[in-house]
N, C-alpha and C. Protein backbone atom coordinates (compact mmCIF):
# COMPACT_ATOMS: atom_id res chain seq x y z
N MET A 1 0.84 -1.15 0.00
CA MET A 1 0.00 0.00 0.00
C MET A 1 0.90 1.24 0.00
N SER A 2 0.57 2.21 -0.86
CA SER A 2 1.42 3.39 -0.96
C SER A 2 1.08 4.39 0.13
N ALA A 3 1.94 5.37 0.29
CA ALA A 3 1.77 6.38 1.33
C ALA A 3 0.63 7.33 1.01
N THR A 4 0.30 7.44 -0.28
CA THR A 4 -0.76 8.37 -0.66
C THR A 4 -2.15 7.74 -0.52
N ALA A 5 -2.22 6.47 -0.41
CA ALA A 5 -3.52 5.81 -0.27
C ALA A 5 -4.05 6.02 1.13
N ILE A 6 -5.34 6.39 1.20
CA ILE A 6 -5.98 6.64 2.49
C ILE A 6 -7.02 5.56 2.70
N SER A 7 -7.06 5.06 3.90
CA SER A 7 -8.01 3.99 4.20
C SER A 7 -9.42 4.55 4.25
N ALA A 8 -10.39 3.68 4.12
CA ALA A 8 -11.80 4.07 4.11
C ALA A 8 -12.21 4.66 5.45
N SER A 9 -11.65 4.20 6.55
CA SER A 9 -12.03 4.73 7.85
C SER A 9 -11.52 6.15 8.04
N GLU A 10 -10.34 6.46 7.48
CA GLU A 10 -9.83 7.83 7.58
C GLU A 10 -10.61 8.79 6.70
N ARG A 11 -11.11 8.33 5.59
CA ARG A 11 -11.82 9.17 4.65
C ARG A 11 -13.19 9.60 5.20
N SER A 12 -13.85 8.83 6.00
CA SER A 12 -15.18 9.15 6.49
C SER A 12 -15.17 10.16 7.63
N GLU A 13 -14.05 10.39 8.27
CA GLU A 13 -14.01 11.35 9.36
C GLU A 13 -13.85 12.77 8.79
N PRO A 14 -14.65 13.71 9.25
CA PRO A 14 -14.51 15.08 8.76
C PRO A 14 -13.17 15.67 9.21
N THR A 15 -12.61 16.43 8.30
CA THR A 15 -11.33 17.06 8.61
C THR A 15 -11.54 18.55 8.74
N ARG A 16 -10.49 19.23 9.15
CA ARG A 16 -10.54 20.67 9.27
C ARG A 16 -10.76 21.30 7.89
N ARG A 17 -10.19 20.71 6.87
CA ARG A 17 -10.35 21.21 5.50
C ARG A 17 -11.82 21.12 5.09
N ASP A 18 -12.52 20.05 5.43
CA ASP A 18 -13.94 19.93 5.11
C ASP A 18 -14.75 21.03 5.79
N PHE A 19 -14.43 21.29 7.04
CA PHE A 19 -15.12 22.34 7.78
C PHE A 19 -14.89 23.70 7.13
N LEU A 20 -13.67 24.02 6.76
CA LEU A 20 -13.36 25.30 6.14
C LEU A 20 -14.05 25.44 4.78
N THR A 21 -14.10 24.36 4.00
CA THR A 21 -14.76 24.39 2.69
C THR A 21 -16.26 24.64 2.87
N LEU A 22 -16.86 23.93 3.79
CA LEU A 22 -18.29 24.10 4.05
C LEU A 22 -18.59 25.50 4.57
N SER A 23 -17.76 26.02 5.47
CA SER A 23 -17.96 27.36 6.02
C SER A 23 -17.81 28.42 4.94
N ALA A 24 -16.83 28.29 4.08
CA ALA A 24 -16.63 29.26 3.00
C ALA A 24 -17.80 29.23 2.02
N ALA A 25 -18.30 28.05 1.70
CA ALA A 25 -19.44 27.94 0.78
C ALA A 25 -20.69 28.57 1.40
N ALA A 26 -20.93 28.35 2.67
CA ALA A 26 -22.09 28.94 3.36
C ALA A 26 -21.96 30.45 3.42
N PHE A 27 -20.77 30.95 3.73
CA PHE A 27 -20.53 32.38 3.80
C PHE A 27 -20.75 33.04 2.44
N ALA A 28 -20.25 32.41 1.38
CA ALA A 28 -20.42 32.94 0.03
C ALA A 28 -21.89 32.93 -0.38
N SER A 29 -22.64 31.89 -0.01
CA SER A 29 -24.06 31.81 -0.35
C SER A 29 -24.85 32.91 0.33
N VAL A 30 -24.59 33.14 1.61
CA VAL A 30 -25.28 34.20 2.35
C VAL A 30 -24.93 35.56 1.75
N GLY A 31 -23.66 35.77 1.43
CA GLY A 31 -23.24 37.03 0.83
C GLY A 31 -23.87 37.27 -0.52
N MET A 32 -23.97 36.21 -1.32
CA MET A 32 -24.59 36.34 -2.63
C MET A 32 -26.08 36.65 -2.50
N ALA A 33 -26.76 36.01 -1.58
CA ALA A 33 -28.18 36.27 -1.36
C ALA A 33 -28.38 37.70 -0.87
N ALA A 34 -27.51 38.17 0.02
CA ALA A 34 -27.62 39.53 0.53
C ALA A 34 -27.39 40.55 -0.58
N GLY A 35 -26.54 40.24 -1.52
CA GLY A 35 -26.30 41.14 -2.64
C GLY A 35 -27.36 41.05 -3.72
N LEU A 36 -27.97 39.90 -3.88
CA LEU A 36 -28.97 39.69 -4.90
C LEU A 36 -30.32 40.28 -4.51
N TRP A 37 -30.64 40.30 -3.24
CA TRP A 37 -31.92 40.81 -2.77
C TRP A 37 -32.16 42.25 -3.19
N PRO A 38 -31.24 43.19 -2.95
CA PRO A 38 -31.50 44.57 -3.40
C PRO A 38 -31.63 44.68 -4.92
N ALA A 39 -30.89 43.89 -5.65
CA ALA A 39 -31.00 43.93 -7.11
C ALA A 39 -32.38 43.49 -7.57
N LEU A 40 -32.91 42.41 -6.99
CA LEU A 40 -34.25 41.96 -7.34
C LEU A 40 -35.32 42.93 -6.84
N ASP A 41 -35.13 43.49 -5.65
CA ASP A 41 -36.09 44.42 -5.08
C ASP A 41 -36.17 45.70 -5.90
N SER A 42 -35.07 46.09 -6.53
CA SER A 42 -35.09 47.32 -7.34
C SER A 42 -35.96 47.17 -8.58
N MET A 43 -36.32 45.95 -8.96
CA MET A 43 -37.18 45.74 -10.13
C MET A 43 -38.65 45.94 -9.80
N ASN A 44 -39.02 46.03 -8.53
CA ASN A 44 -40.40 46.29 -8.15
C ASN A 44 -40.75 47.73 -8.49
N PRO A 45 -42.02 48.02 -8.80
CA PRO A 45 -42.39 49.39 -9.11
C PRO A 45 -42.25 50.29 -7.88
N SER A 46 -41.92 51.55 -8.14
CA SER A 46 -41.75 52.50 -7.05
C SER A 46 -43.12 52.91 -6.50
N ALA A 47 -43.11 53.62 -5.37
CA ALA A 47 -44.36 54.00 -4.72
C ALA A 47 -45.18 54.93 -5.60
N ASP A 48 -44.52 55.86 -6.31
CA ASP A 48 -45.29 56.76 -7.17
C ASP A 48 -45.89 56.03 -8.37
N THR A 49 -45.23 54.99 -8.84
CA THR A 49 -45.79 54.19 -9.93
C THR A 49 -46.98 53.39 -9.44
N LYS A 50 -46.87 52.82 -8.24
CA LYS A 50 -48.01 52.09 -7.67
C LYS A 50 -49.20 53.01 -7.45
N ALA A 51 -48.93 54.25 -7.03
CA ALA A 51 -50.01 55.20 -6.81
C ALA A 51 -50.70 55.57 -8.11
N ALA A 52 -49.97 55.59 -9.22
CA ALA A 52 -50.56 55.92 -10.51
C ALA A 52 -51.25 54.73 -11.16
N ALA A 53 -51.19 53.57 -10.54
CA ALA A 53 -51.79 52.37 -11.12
C ALA A 53 -53.30 52.48 -11.20
N THR A 54 -53.91 53.24 -10.31
CA THR A 54 -55.35 53.46 -10.36
C THR A 54 -55.63 54.95 -10.20
N THR A 55 -56.73 55.36 -10.77
CA THR A 55 -57.19 56.74 -10.64
C THR A 55 -58.64 56.71 -10.20
N GLU A 56 -58.94 57.39 -9.12
CA GLU A 56 -60.30 57.45 -8.60
C GLU A 56 -60.94 58.76 -9.04
N VAL A 57 -62.17 58.68 -9.55
CA VAL A 57 -62.85 59.85 -10.10
C VAL A 57 -64.21 60.00 -9.42
N ASP A 58 -64.49 61.21 -8.92
CA ASP A 58 -65.80 61.53 -8.37
C ASP A 58 -66.68 61.96 -9.55
N LEU A 59 -67.75 61.23 -9.80
CA LEU A 59 -68.60 61.48 -10.96
C LEU A 59 -69.69 62.52 -10.71
N ARG A 60 -69.90 62.91 -9.46
CA ARG A 60 -71.00 63.82 -9.14
C ARG A 60 -70.92 65.16 -9.86
N PRO A 61 -69.75 65.81 -9.99
CA PRO A 61 -69.74 67.12 -10.65
C PRO A 61 -69.85 67.08 -12.17
N ILE A 62 -69.81 65.91 -12.78
CA ILE A 62 -69.84 65.81 -14.24
C ILE A 62 -71.30 65.83 -14.70
N LYS A 63 -71.64 66.87 -15.46
CA LYS A 63 -73.02 67.05 -15.92
C LYS A 63 -73.27 66.21 -17.18
N PRO A 64 -74.53 65.81 -17.43
CA PRO A 64 -74.84 65.09 -18.67
C PRO A 64 -74.40 65.90 -19.88
N GLY A 65 -73.77 65.21 -20.82
CA GLY A 65 -73.24 65.86 -22.02
C GLY A 65 -71.81 66.35 -21.86
N GLN A 66 -71.28 66.31 -20.65
CA GLN A 66 -69.92 66.79 -20.39
C GLN A 66 -68.92 65.65 -20.49
N ILE A 67 -67.73 65.98 -20.99
CA ILE A 67 -66.62 65.02 -21.11
C ILE A 67 -65.45 65.59 -20.34
N ILE A 68 -64.88 64.79 -19.44
CA ILE A 68 -63.69 65.23 -18.72
C ILE A 68 -62.52 64.32 -19.10
N THR A 69 -61.33 64.82 -18.82
CA THR A 69 -60.12 64.04 -19.08
C THR A 69 -59.38 63.88 -17.76
N VAL A 70 -59.04 62.66 -17.41
CA VAL A 70 -58.24 62.38 -16.22
C VAL A 70 -56.97 61.67 -16.67
N ARG A 71 -55.99 61.63 -15.80
CA ARG A 71 -54.72 60.99 -16.11
C ARG A 71 -54.66 59.63 -15.41
N TRP A 72 -54.29 58.62 -16.19
CA TRP A 72 -54.13 57.27 -15.64
C TRP A 72 -52.90 56.66 -16.29
N GLN A 73 -51.92 56.29 -15.49
CA GLN A 73 -50.66 55.71 -15.96
C GLN A 73 -50.02 56.55 -17.05
N GLY A 74 -50.11 57.87 -16.90
CA GLY A 74 -49.50 58.78 -17.85
C GLY A 74 -50.29 58.97 -19.13
N LYS A 75 -51.47 58.36 -19.23
CA LYS A 75 -52.29 58.47 -20.43
C LYS A 75 -53.56 59.25 -20.11
N PRO A 76 -54.07 60.01 -21.09
CA PRO A 76 -55.36 60.67 -20.87
C PRO A 76 -56.49 59.65 -20.98
N VAL A 77 -57.47 59.79 -20.12
CA VAL A 77 -58.66 58.95 -20.16
C VAL A 77 -59.86 59.87 -20.24
N PHE A 78 -60.70 59.67 -21.26
CA PHE A 78 -61.91 60.46 -21.42
C PHE A 78 -63.04 59.78 -20.67
N ILE A 79 -63.75 60.56 -19.87
CA ILE A 79 -64.95 60.07 -19.18
C ILE A 79 -66.10 60.95 -19.65
N ALA A 80 -67.03 60.35 -20.37
CA ALA A 80 -68.16 61.08 -20.93
C ALA A 80 -69.44 60.69 -20.20
N HIS A 81 -70.14 61.72 -19.68
CA HIS A 81 -71.46 61.50 -19.09
C HIS A 81 -72.45 61.74 -20.23
N ARG A 82 -72.91 60.66 -20.83
CA ARG A 82 -73.71 60.75 -22.04
C ARG A 82 -75.17 61.04 -21.72
N THR A 83 -75.77 61.86 -22.58
CA THR A 83 -77.19 62.18 -22.48
C THR A 83 -78.00 61.04 -23.10
N PRO A 84 -79.30 60.99 -22.84
CA PRO A 84 -80.13 59.96 -23.49
C PRO A 84 -80.07 60.04 -25.02
N GLU A 85 -79.94 61.25 -25.57
CA GLU A 85 -79.82 61.41 -27.02
C GLU A 85 -78.51 60.80 -27.52
N GLN A 86 -77.42 61.03 -26.80
CA GLN A 86 -76.12 60.47 -27.20
C GLN A 86 -76.13 58.94 -27.10
N ILE A 87 -76.78 58.42 -26.08
CA ILE A 87 -76.88 56.96 -25.93
C ILE A 87 -77.67 56.37 -27.10
N ALA A 88 -78.80 57.01 -27.44
CA ALA A 88 -79.62 56.53 -28.55
C ALA A 88 -78.84 56.59 -29.86
N ARG A 89 -78.06 57.66 -30.06
CA ARG A 89 -77.26 57.79 -31.28
C ARG A 89 -76.17 56.71 -31.33
N ALA A 90 -75.53 56.46 -30.19
CA ALA A 90 -74.48 55.44 -30.14
C ALA A 90 -75.04 54.06 -30.44
N GLU A 91 -76.22 53.75 -29.89
CA GLU A 91 -76.84 52.45 -30.15
C GLU A 91 -77.32 52.35 -31.59
N ALA A 92 -77.81 53.44 -32.15
CA ALA A 92 -78.26 53.44 -33.55
C ALA A 92 -77.09 53.30 -34.51
N ASP A 93 -75.92 53.78 -34.11
CA ASP A 93 -74.73 53.73 -34.96
C ASP A 93 -73.94 52.42 -34.83
N ASP A 94 -74.48 51.42 -34.14
CA ASP A 94 -73.77 50.15 -33.98
C ASP A 94 -73.37 49.55 -35.33
N ALA A 95 -74.25 49.63 -36.31
CA ALA A 95 -73.94 49.04 -37.62
C ALA A 95 -73.07 49.95 -38.49
N ALA A 96 -73.01 51.23 -38.17
CA ALA A 96 -72.27 52.19 -38.99
C ALA A 96 -70.77 52.13 -38.76
N ALA A 97 -70.33 51.67 -37.60
CA ALA A 97 -68.89 51.60 -37.29
C ALA A 97 -68.31 50.39 -38.01
N ARG A 98 -67.65 50.63 -39.15
CA ARG A 98 -67.19 49.53 -39.99
C ARG A 98 -65.70 49.28 -39.91
N LEU A 99 -64.89 50.28 -39.54
CA LEU A 99 -63.44 50.07 -39.50
C LEU A 99 -63.06 49.07 -38.40
N ASP A 100 -63.70 49.20 -37.26
CA ASP A 100 -63.48 48.28 -36.14
C ASP A 100 -64.84 48.08 -35.46
N PRO A 101 -65.67 47.20 -36.00
CA PRO A 101 -67.04 47.07 -35.49
C PRO A 101 -67.09 46.67 -34.02
N ALA A 102 -67.97 47.34 -33.29
CA ALA A 102 -68.20 47.02 -31.88
C ALA A 102 -69.56 47.59 -31.49
N ARG A 103 -70.27 46.87 -30.66
CA ARG A 103 -71.55 47.37 -30.18
C ARG A 103 -71.32 48.29 -29.00
N ASP A 104 -72.16 49.29 -28.90
CA ASP A 104 -72.03 50.26 -27.81
C ASP A 104 -72.14 49.57 -26.46
N ARG A 105 -73.06 48.64 -26.32
CA ARG A 105 -73.27 47.99 -25.02
C ARG A 105 -72.07 47.16 -24.58
N ASP A 106 -71.21 46.75 -25.54
CA ASP A 106 -70.00 46.00 -25.19
C ASP A 106 -68.86 46.91 -24.75
N ARG A 107 -69.00 48.20 -24.97
CA ARG A 107 -67.93 49.15 -24.65
C ARG A 107 -68.19 49.93 -23.36
N VAL A 108 -69.38 49.78 -22.77
CA VAL A 108 -69.73 50.51 -21.55
C VAL A 108 -70.24 49.55 -20.49
N LYS A 109 -70.08 49.95 -19.25
CA LYS A 109 -70.65 49.16 -18.14
C LYS A 109 -71.98 49.75 -17.69
N ARG A 110 -72.12 51.07 -17.85
CA ARG A 110 -73.38 51.77 -17.64
C ARG A 110 -73.61 52.65 -18.86
N LYS A 111 -74.81 52.64 -19.38
CA LYS A 111 -75.08 53.35 -20.63
C LYS A 111 -74.69 54.83 -20.59
N GLU A 112 -74.90 55.46 -19.44
CA GLU A 112 -74.66 56.91 -19.39
C GLU A 112 -73.19 57.28 -19.22
N TRP A 113 -72.32 56.31 -18.94
CA TRP A 113 -70.90 56.60 -18.74
C TRP A 113 -70.04 55.85 -19.75
N LEU A 114 -69.25 56.62 -20.51
CA LEU A 114 -68.28 56.04 -21.43
C LEU A 114 -66.89 56.37 -20.90
N VAL A 115 -66.03 55.36 -20.81
CA VAL A 115 -64.65 55.53 -20.33
C VAL A 115 -63.73 54.94 -21.40
N VAL A 116 -62.88 55.79 -22.01
CA VAL A 116 -61.95 55.34 -23.04
C VAL A 116 -60.61 56.03 -22.85
N VAL A 117 -59.55 55.35 -23.29
CA VAL A 117 -58.21 55.95 -23.28
C VAL A 117 -58.17 56.97 -24.41
N GLY A 118 -57.80 58.19 -24.08
CA GLY A 118 -57.81 59.29 -25.04
C GLY A 118 -56.54 59.39 -25.85
N ALA A 119 -56.18 58.32 -26.54
CA ALA A 119 -55.02 58.32 -27.42
C ALA A 119 -55.44 57.72 -28.75
N CYS A 120 -55.26 58.49 -29.82
CA CYS A 120 -55.63 58.02 -31.15
C CYS A 120 -54.87 56.73 -31.45
N THR A 121 -55.57 55.78 -32.02
CA THR A 121 -54.96 54.48 -32.29
C THR A 121 -54.11 54.48 -33.55
N HIS A 122 -53.97 55.63 -34.19
CA HIS A 122 -53.11 55.74 -35.36
C HIS A 122 -51.68 56.03 -34.92
N LEU A 123 -51.45 57.18 -34.28
CA LEU A 123 -50.10 57.54 -33.85
C LEU A 123 -50.03 58.01 -32.40
N GLY A 124 -51.13 57.90 -31.66
CA GLY A 124 -51.11 58.22 -30.24
C GLY A 124 -51.39 59.66 -29.89
N CYS A 125 -51.83 60.47 -30.85
CA CYS A 125 -52.20 61.87 -30.56
C CYS A 125 -53.43 61.87 -29.65
N VAL A 126 -53.69 63.02 -29.02
CA VAL A 126 -54.85 63.14 -28.15
C VAL A 126 -55.99 63.79 -28.94
N PRO A 127 -57.06 63.04 -29.22
CA PRO A 127 -58.19 63.61 -29.95
C PRO A 127 -58.90 64.67 -29.12
N THR A 128 -59.65 65.53 -29.81
CA THR A 128 -60.40 66.58 -29.14
C THR A 128 -61.88 66.41 -29.42
N SER A 129 -62.71 66.86 -28.47
CA SER A 129 -64.16 66.77 -28.65
C SER A 129 -64.73 68.11 -29.10
N ARG A 130 -63.87 69.12 -29.22
CA ARG A 130 -64.31 70.44 -29.67
C ARG A 130 -63.49 70.82 -30.90
N GLY A 131 -64.05 71.65 -31.75
CA GLY A 131 -63.29 72.10 -32.90
C GLY A 131 -64.17 72.78 -33.92
N VAL A 132 -63.53 73.32 -34.94
CA VAL A 132 -64.25 73.96 -36.03
C VAL A 132 -63.67 73.45 -37.34
N GLY A 133 -64.44 73.53 -38.39
CA GLY A 133 -63.97 73.11 -39.71
C GLY A 133 -63.67 71.63 -39.74
N ASP A 134 -62.46 71.30 -40.23
CA ASP A 134 -62.06 69.89 -40.30
C ASP A 134 -61.91 69.26 -38.91
N LEU A 135 -61.69 70.08 -37.90
CA LEU A 135 -61.52 69.56 -36.54
C LEU A 135 -62.84 69.40 -35.80
N MET A 136 -63.96 69.60 -36.47
CA MET A 136 -65.26 69.41 -35.83
C MET A 136 -65.58 67.92 -35.81
N PRO A 137 -65.80 67.34 -34.62
CA PRO A 137 -66.17 65.92 -34.57
C PRO A 137 -67.50 65.71 -35.29
N ARG A 138 -67.49 64.90 -36.33
CA ARG A 138 -68.68 64.70 -37.16
C ARG A 138 -69.65 63.68 -36.60
N PHE A 139 -69.19 62.84 -35.69
CA PHE A 139 -70.04 61.75 -35.22
C PHE A 139 -70.35 61.88 -33.72
N GLY A 140 -70.21 63.08 -33.19
CA GLY A 140 -70.57 63.34 -31.81
C GLY A 140 -69.53 62.94 -30.79
N GLY A 141 -68.35 62.55 -31.21
CA GLY A 141 -67.33 62.11 -30.27
C GLY A 141 -66.07 62.96 -30.33
N TRP A 142 -65.04 62.42 -30.97
CA TRP A 142 -63.74 63.07 -30.99
C TRP A 142 -63.15 63.06 -32.39
N VAL A 143 -62.23 64.00 -32.63
CA VAL A 143 -61.48 64.02 -33.88
C VAL A 143 -60.00 64.20 -33.51
N CYS A 144 -59.13 63.47 -34.20
CA CYS A 144 -57.70 63.58 -33.96
C CYS A 144 -57.17 64.78 -34.76
N PRO A 145 -56.50 65.72 -34.11
CA PRO A 145 -56.04 66.91 -34.81
C PRO A 145 -54.87 66.64 -35.76
N CYS A 146 -54.22 65.52 -35.66
CA CYS A 146 -53.04 65.24 -36.50
C CYS A 146 -53.42 64.74 -37.88
N HIS A 147 -54.28 63.73 -37.95
CA HIS A 147 -54.61 63.12 -39.25
C HIS A 147 -56.11 62.99 -39.46
N TYR A 148 -56.90 63.64 -38.61
CA TYR A 148 -58.36 63.75 -38.76
C TYR A 148 -59.12 62.44 -38.63
N SER A 149 -58.64 61.51 -37.86
CA SER A 149 -59.44 60.33 -37.57
C SER A 149 -60.65 60.78 -36.77
N GLN A 150 -61.80 60.18 -37.06
CA GLN A 150 -63.05 60.55 -36.39
C GLN A 150 -63.55 59.39 -35.54
N TYR A 151 -63.98 59.72 -34.32
CA TYR A 151 -64.52 58.72 -33.39
C TYR A 151 -65.93 59.16 -32.99
N ASP A 152 -66.83 58.21 -32.81
CA ASP A 152 -68.18 58.56 -32.38
C ASP A 152 -68.26 58.63 -30.86
N ILE A 153 -69.46 58.86 -30.33
CA ILE A 153 -69.64 59.05 -28.88
C ILE A 153 -69.47 57.75 -28.10
N SER A 154 -69.23 56.65 -28.82
CA SER A 154 -68.91 55.39 -28.16
C SER A 154 -67.41 55.08 -28.26
N GLY A 155 -66.65 56.00 -28.87
CA GLY A 155 -65.20 55.81 -29.01
C GLY A 155 -64.83 54.89 -30.16
N ARG A 156 -65.79 54.61 -31.06
CA ARG A 156 -65.51 53.76 -32.21
C ARG A 156 -64.97 54.61 -33.35
N VAL A 157 -63.96 54.10 -34.04
CA VAL A 157 -63.39 54.83 -35.17
C VAL A 157 -64.37 54.77 -36.34
N ARG A 158 -64.68 55.95 -36.88
CA ARG A 158 -65.63 56.03 -37.98
C ARG A 158 -64.96 56.46 -39.28
N ARG A 159 -63.81 57.12 -39.15
CA ARG A 159 -63.04 57.55 -40.32
C ARG A 159 -61.58 57.47 -39.96
N GLY A 160 -60.76 56.84 -40.81
CA GLY A 160 -59.34 56.63 -40.53
C GLY A 160 -58.50 57.84 -40.78
N PRO A 161 -57.23 57.69 -40.59
CA PRO A 161 -56.40 56.50 -40.73
C PRO A 161 -56.29 55.64 -39.47
N ALA A 162 -56.93 56.01 -38.39
CA ALA A 162 -56.87 55.18 -37.19
C ALA A 162 -57.45 53.80 -37.51
N PRO A 163 -56.75 52.73 -37.13
CA PRO A 163 -57.21 51.38 -37.50
C PRO A 163 -58.22 50.78 -36.52
N THR A 164 -58.19 51.22 -35.26
CA THR A 164 -59.04 50.58 -34.25
C THR A 164 -59.73 51.64 -33.39
N ASN A 165 -60.70 51.17 -32.62
CA ASN A 165 -61.45 52.03 -31.71
C ASN A 165 -60.56 52.52 -30.58
N LEU A 166 -61.01 53.59 -29.91
CA LEU A 166 -60.31 54.02 -28.69
C LEU A 166 -60.40 52.89 -27.68
N ALA A 167 -59.31 52.63 -27.00
CA ALA A 167 -59.26 51.51 -26.05
C ALA A 167 -60.11 51.81 -24.81
N VAL A 168 -60.74 50.78 -24.30
CA VAL A 168 -61.49 50.88 -23.04
C VAL A 168 -60.59 50.35 -21.94
N PRO A 169 -60.20 51.20 -20.98
CA PRO A 169 -59.32 50.73 -19.91
C PRO A 169 -60.10 49.90 -18.90
N PRO A 170 -59.41 49.15 -18.06
CA PRO A 170 -60.12 48.45 -16.99
C PRO A 170 -60.64 49.48 -15.99
N TYR A 171 -61.90 49.38 -15.65
CA TYR A 171 -62.48 50.31 -14.67
C TYR A 171 -63.63 49.64 -13.95
N THR A 172 -63.93 50.17 -12.77
CA THR A 172 -65.06 49.68 -11.97
C THR A 172 -65.75 50.86 -11.31
N PHE A 173 -67.01 50.67 -11.01
CA PHE A 173 -67.77 51.65 -10.24
C PHE A 173 -67.74 51.19 -8.79
N MET A 174 -66.99 51.89 -7.96
CA MET A 174 -66.90 51.55 -6.55
C MET A 174 -68.24 51.85 -5.85
N THR A 175 -68.81 53.00 -6.19
CA THR A 175 -70.13 53.40 -5.73
C THR A 175 -70.82 53.98 -6.96
N PRO A 176 -72.11 54.32 -6.87
CA PRO A 176 -72.75 54.95 -8.03
C PRO A 176 -72.10 56.29 -8.43
N GLU A 177 -71.39 56.93 -7.50
CA GLU A 177 -70.77 58.22 -7.78
C GLU A 177 -69.25 58.16 -7.91
N THR A 178 -68.64 56.99 -7.76
CA THR A 178 -67.19 56.88 -7.78
C THR A 178 -66.73 55.84 -8.78
N LEU A 179 -65.82 56.26 -9.66
CA LEU A 179 -65.26 55.39 -10.69
C LEU A 179 -63.78 55.23 -10.42
N VAL A 180 -63.28 53.99 -10.53
CA VAL A 180 -61.87 53.72 -10.36
C VAL A 180 -61.34 53.14 -11.67
N VAL A 181 -60.40 53.85 -12.28
CA VAL A 181 -59.77 53.40 -13.52
C VAL A 181 -58.50 52.67 -13.15
N GLY A 182 -58.32 51.48 -13.67
CA GLY A 182 -57.11 50.71 -13.41
C GLY A 182 -57.35 49.47 -12.60
């Protein structure tokens, strides 16, 4: 038997070298976890981003026929308190919206309230509900000042170049007078 050969009984006993190897590996693992935690935690959204995740709107001051704009996640959101005439027009125009067909009842949770993201689906411009000449909304809703896309009072695109309707964001009615977007 050579001098370098170690018997099986000597090999099974832990040595000081085994202890040092195990201790160094444990120390390195704890250090790596301590360094990795802040890096992973920095990927979470900040407090101001979490606060912008939802927008609460008091609906009481909005009169029938009035449209307001609120900010949600850095985007404008149009909230329209529609009159009975506007609701009737939107329902009658269900078949007229041909670029991106959608029924009015599928775009609203309550007939009198329309909530849409106020960004033109062509290039992201903010459409307006007021205007003169070419900027006059022809279908009772909005017109994009950049390329004259026309939207009706249900947010459906009626004249391009916009390819799709104004997006409907996630929203809920917390109370009959309170709307939460997001």
